[in-house]
């Protein structure tokens, strides 16, 4: 996943040498885009919501993500979606 100039994330084939594709999973469970310093954010804090990039804020629940795995796949979900 990478971002464009409009701060909207999109999925592309992985290129390990491309710095625009590097992300950090922070201690407060944010996905921080290392090049822009912005965090992946769910607009409506819903599983089907639009994703955007916004300034990282530790209190923003729409930026809290959790990972889990099932056999061969890794899943990413917004934290505590009901």
N, C-alpha and C. Protein backbone atom coordinates (compact mmCIF):
# COMPACT_ATOMS: atom_id res chain seq x y z
N UNK A 1 0.85 -1.15 0.00
CA UNK A 1 0.00 0.00 0.00
C UNK A 1 0.91 1.23 0.00
N UNK A 2 0.48 2.24 -0.70
CA UNK A 2 1.20 3.51 -0.76
C UNK A 2 0.18 4.64 -0.78
N UNK A 3 0.63 5.87 -0.91
CA UNK A 3 -0.29 7.00 -0.94
C UNK A 3 -0.01 7.86 -2.16
N UNK A 4 -1.00 8.67 -2.54
CA UNK A 4 -0.79 9.62 -3.61
C UNK A 4 -0.74 11.03 -3.02
N UNK A 5 -0.68 12.03 -3.85
CA UNK A 5 -0.58 13.41 -3.37
C UNK A 5 -1.84 13.88 -2.67
N UNK A 6 -2.97 13.20 -2.88
CA UNK A 6 -4.22 13.57 -2.22
C UNK A 6 -4.36 12.91 -0.85
N UNK A 7 -3.32 12.21 -0.41
CA UNK A 7 -3.31 11.52 0.88
C UNK A 7 -4.29 10.36 0.95
N UNK A 8 -4.62 9.78 -0.21
CA UNK A 8 -5.49 8.61 -0.22
C UNK A 8 -4.63 7.37 -0.44
N UNK A 9 -4.76 6.38 0.44
CA UNK A 9 -3.98 5.15 0.27
C UNK A 9 -4.56 4.28 -0.83
N UNK A 10 -3.71 3.52 -1.49
CA UNK A 10 -4.17 2.57 -2.49
C UNK A 10 -3.21 1.39 -2.53
N UNK A 11 -3.71 0.27 -3.00
CA UNK A 11 -2.94 -0.97 -3.03
C UNK A 11 -2.26 -1.13 -4.38
N UNK A 12 -0.98 -1.45 -4.33
CA UNK A 12 -0.17 -1.69 -5.53
C UNK A 12 0.73 -2.89 -5.26
N UNK A 13 1.29 -3.50 -6.30
CA UNK A 13 2.24 -4.59 -6.07
C UNK A 13 3.43 -4.09 -5.23
N UNK A 14 3.91 -4.93 -4.36
CA UNK A 14 4.98 -4.57 -3.44
C UNK A 14 6.31 -4.38 -4.17
N UNK A 15 7.00 -3.29 -3.82
CA UNK A 15 8.36 -3.03 -4.30
C UNK A 15 9.18 -2.65 -3.06
N UNK A 16 9.94 -3.58 -2.53
CA UNK A 16 10.64 -3.39 -1.27
C UNK A 16 11.57 -2.19 -1.27
N UNK A 17 12.13 -1.85 -2.42
CA UNK A 17 13.08 -0.74 -2.48
C UNK A 17 12.41 0.63 -2.57
N UNK A 18 11.09 0.67 -2.69
CA UNK A 18 10.36 1.94 -2.84
C UNK A 18 10.02 2.50 -1.45
N UNK A 19 10.62 3.65 -1.07
CA UNK A 19 10.37 4.20 0.26
C UNK A 19 8.92 4.63 0.48
N UNK A 20 8.17 4.85 -0.58
CA UNK A 20 6.77 5.25 -0.41
C UNK A 20 5.89 4.08 0.03
N UNK A 21 6.45 2.88 0.08
CA UNK A 21 5.69 1.70 0.49
C UNK A 21 6.03 1.23 1.90
N UNK A 22 6.80 1.98 2.62
CA UNK A 22 7.20 1.56 3.97
C UNK A 22 6.22 2.11 5.00
N UNK A 23 5.81 1.21 5.90
CA UNK A 23 4.87 1.54 6.97
C UNK A 23 5.44 1.06 8.29
N UNK A 24 5.05 1.72 9.36
CA UNK A 24 5.46 1.33 10.70
C UNK A 24 4.21 1.06 11.53
N UNK A 25 4.22 -0.05 12.25
CA UNK A 25 3.14 -0.35 13.19
C UNK A 25 3.61 0.16 14.54
N UNK A 26 3.01 1.23 15.03
CA UNK A 26 3.50 1.91 16.23
C UNK A 26 3.03 1.22 17.51
N UNK A 27 3.61 1.63 18.62
CA UNK A 27 3.23 1.06 19.92
C UNK A 27 1.77 1.31 20.27
N UNK A 28 1.20 2.41 19.74
CA UNK A 28 -0.22 2.68 20.01
C UNK A 28 -1.13 2.14 18.92
N UNK A 29 -0.62 1.15 18.15
CA UNK A 29 -1.38 0.40 17.15
C UNK A 29 -1.82 1.24 15.95
N UNK A 30 -1.03 2.22 15.61
CA UNK A 30 -1.28 3.03 14.41
C UNK A 30 -0.43 2.48 13.27
N UNK A 31 -0.92 2.62 12.05
CA UNK A 31 -0.13 2.31 10.86
C UNK A 31 0.36 3.64 10.28
N UNK A 32 1.63 3.90 10.49
CA UNK A 32 2.23 5.18 10.11
C UNK A 32 3.03 5.02 8.83
N UNK A 33 2.70 5.80 7.83
CA UNK A 33 3.42 5.82 6.56
C UNK A 33 4.74 6.56 6.81
N UNK A 34 5.86 5.85 6.68
CA UNK A 34 7.13 6.43 7.10
C UNK A 34 7.56 7.63 6.25
N UNK A 35 7.23 7.64 4.99
CA UNK A 35 7.65 8.75 4.13
C UNK A 35 6.87 10.03 4.45
N UNK A 36 5.56 9.93 4.64
CA UNK A 36 4.73 11.11 4.88
C UNK A 36 4.57 11.45 6.36
N UNK A 37 4.75 10.44 7.23
CA UNK A 37 4.53 10.64 8.66
C UNK A 37 3.05 10.64 9.03
N UNK A 38 2.17 10.33 8.07
CA UNK A 38 0.72 10.32 8.30
C UNK A 38 0.28 8.91 8.67
N UNK A 39 -0.90 8.82 9.31
CA UNK A 39 -1.44 7.53 9.73
C UNK A 39 -2.66 7.13 8.92
N UNK A 40 -2.78 5.82 8.70
CA UNK A 40 -3.95 5.26 8.01
C UNK A 40 -5.16 5.46 8.92
N UNK A 41 -6.23 6.04 8.36
CA UNK A 41 -7.39 6.44 9.16
C UNK A 41 -8.67 5.97 8.47
N UNK A 42 -9.58 5.38 9.24
CA UNK A 42 -10.89 5.00 8.75
C UNK A 42 -11.83 6.19 8.93
N UNK A 43 -12.43 6.67 7.85
CA UNK A 43 -13.24 7.88 7.90
C UNK A 43 -14.39 7.78 8.89
N UNK A 44 -15.13 6.67 8.87
CA UNK A 44 -16.30 6.52 9.75
C UNK A 44 -16.09 5.50 10.86
N UNK A 45 -14.85 5.05 11.05
CA UNK A 45 -14.54 4.04 12.06
C UNK A 45 -15.39 2.78 11.87
N UNK A 46 -15.62 2.43 10.62
CA UNK A 46 -16.38 1.24 10.25
C UNK A 46 -15.52 0.37 9.34
N UNK A 47 -15.79 -0.92 9.31
CA UNK A 47 -15.00 -1.83 8.48
C UNK A 47 -15.09 -1.49 7.00
N UNK A 48 -16.22 -0.97 6.55
CA UNK A 48 -16.40 -0.67 5.13
C UNK A 48 -16.12 0.80 4.79
N UNK A 49 -15.60 1.54 5.72
CA UNK A 49 -15.39 2.98 5.53
C UNK A 49 -14.23 3.26 4.58
N UNK A 50 -14.25 4.46 4.04
CA UNK A 50 -13.15 4.94 3.21
C UNK A 50 -11.91 5.11 4.07
N UNK A 51 -10.75 4.82 3.50
CA UNK A 51 -9.49 5.01 4.20
C UNK A 51 -8.80 6.25 3.67
N UNK A 52 -8.25 7.03 4.57
CA UNK A 52 -7.51 8.24 4.21
C UNK A 52 -6.26 8.32 5.09
N UNK A 53 -5.40 9.25 4.77
CA UNK A 53 -4.21 9.52 5.57
C UNK A 53 -4.44 10.82 6.32
N UNK A 54 -4.18 10.79 7.62
CA UNK A 54 -4.33 11.98 8.46
C UNK A 54 -3.16 12.05 9.44
N UNK A 55 -3.00 13.23 10.03
CA UNK A 55 -1.99 13.41 11.06
C UNK A 55 -2.23 12.38 12.16
N UNK A 56 -1.17 11.75 12.63
CA UNK A 56 -1.29 10.74 13.68
C UNK A 56 -1.64 11.40 15.01
N UNK A 57 -2.68 10.85 15.64
CA UNK A 57 -3.11 11.33 16.96
C UNK A 57 -3.40 10.12 17.82
N UNK A 58 -2.72 10.01 18.95
CA UNK A 58 -2.85 8.82 19.79
C UNK A 58 -4.27 8.58 20.27
N UNK A 59 -5.07 9.64 20.41
CA UNK A 59 -6.44 9.49 20.90
C UNK A 59 -7.45 9.17 19.80
N UNK A 60 -7.02 9.14 18.55
CA UNK A 60 -7.94 8.91 17.43
C UNK A 60 -8.19 7.41 17.25
N UNK A 61 -9.36 6.94 17.67
CA UNK A 61 -9.70 5.52 17.56
C UNK A 61 -9.82 5.05 16.12
N UNK A 62 -10.05 5.96 15.19
CA UNK A 62 -10.14 5.60 13.77
C UNK A 62 -8.77 5.30 13.17
N UNK A 63 -7.71 5.45 13.98
CA UNK A 63 -6.35 5.15 13.53
C UNK A 63 -5.78 3.93 14.25
N UNK A 64 -6.58 3.25 15.05
CA UNK A 64 -6.11 2.08 15.79
C UNK A 64 -6.44 0.82 15.00
N UNK A 65 -5.41 0.03 14.71
CA UNK A 65 -5.54 -1.17 13.88
C UNK A 65 -4.99 -2.38 14.60
N UNK A 66 -5.53 -3.53 14.29
CA UNK A 66 -5.02 -4.77 14.86
C UNK A 66 -4.85 -5.79 13.74
N UNK A 67 -3.85 -6.64 13.88
CA UNK A 67 -3.57 -7.69 12.90
C UNK A 67 -3.94 -9.04 13.50
N UNK A 68 -4.41 -9.93 12.67
CA UNK A 68 -4.58 -11.32 13.07
C UNK A 68 -4.36 -12.19 11.85
N UNK A 69 -4.04 -13.44 12.08
CA UNK A 69 -3.74 -14.32 10.95
C UNK A 69 -4.66 -15.54 10.97
N UNK A 70 -4.85 -16.09 9.78
CA UNK A 70 -5.63 -17.30 9.61
C UNK A 70 -4.96 -18.11 8.52
N UNK A 71 -4.22 -19.13 8.93
CA UNK A 71 -3.46 -19.98 8.02
C UNK A 71 -2.46 -19.16 7.22
N UNK A 72 -2.66 -18.98 5.91
CA UNK A 72 -1.68 -18.30 5.07
C UNK A 72 -1.86 -16.79 4.99
N UNK A 73 -2.95 -16.27 5.51
CA UNK A 73 -3.26 -14.86 5.29
C UNK A 73 -3.16 -14.04 6.56
N UNK A 74 -2.80 -12.78 6.38
CA UNK A 74 -2.83 -11.80 7.46
C UNK A 74 -3.99 -10.86 7.18
N UNK A 75 -4.71 -10.50 8.21
CA UNK A 75 -5.85 -9.59 8.08
C UNK A 75 -5.57 -8.34 8.91
N UNK A 76 -6.07 -7.25 8.43
CA UNK A 76 -5.95 -5.99 9.14
C UNK A 76 -7.36 -5.48 9.39
N UNK A 77 -7.65 -5.14 10.62
CA UNK A 77 -8.97 -4.59 10.87
C UNK A 77 -8.89 -3.41 11.82
N UNK A 78 -9.83 -2.51 11.63
CA UNK A 78 -9.94 -1.36 12.50
C UNK A 78 -10.27 -1.89 13.88
N UNK A 79 -9.70 -1.32 14.87
CA UNK A 79 -9.84 -1.80 16.25
C UNK A 79 -11.27 -1.61 16.76
N UNK A 80 -11.82 -2.64 17.34
CA UNK A 80 -13.13 -2.62 17.99
C UNK A 80 -14.27 -2.13 17.10
N UNK A 81 -14.36 -2.65 15.90
CA UNK A 81 -15.51 -2.34 15.03
C UNK A 81 -16.64 -3.26 15.44
N UNK A 82 -17.82 -2.71 15.65
CA UNK A 82 -18.97 -3.52 16.06
C UNK A 82 -19.98 -3.64 14.94
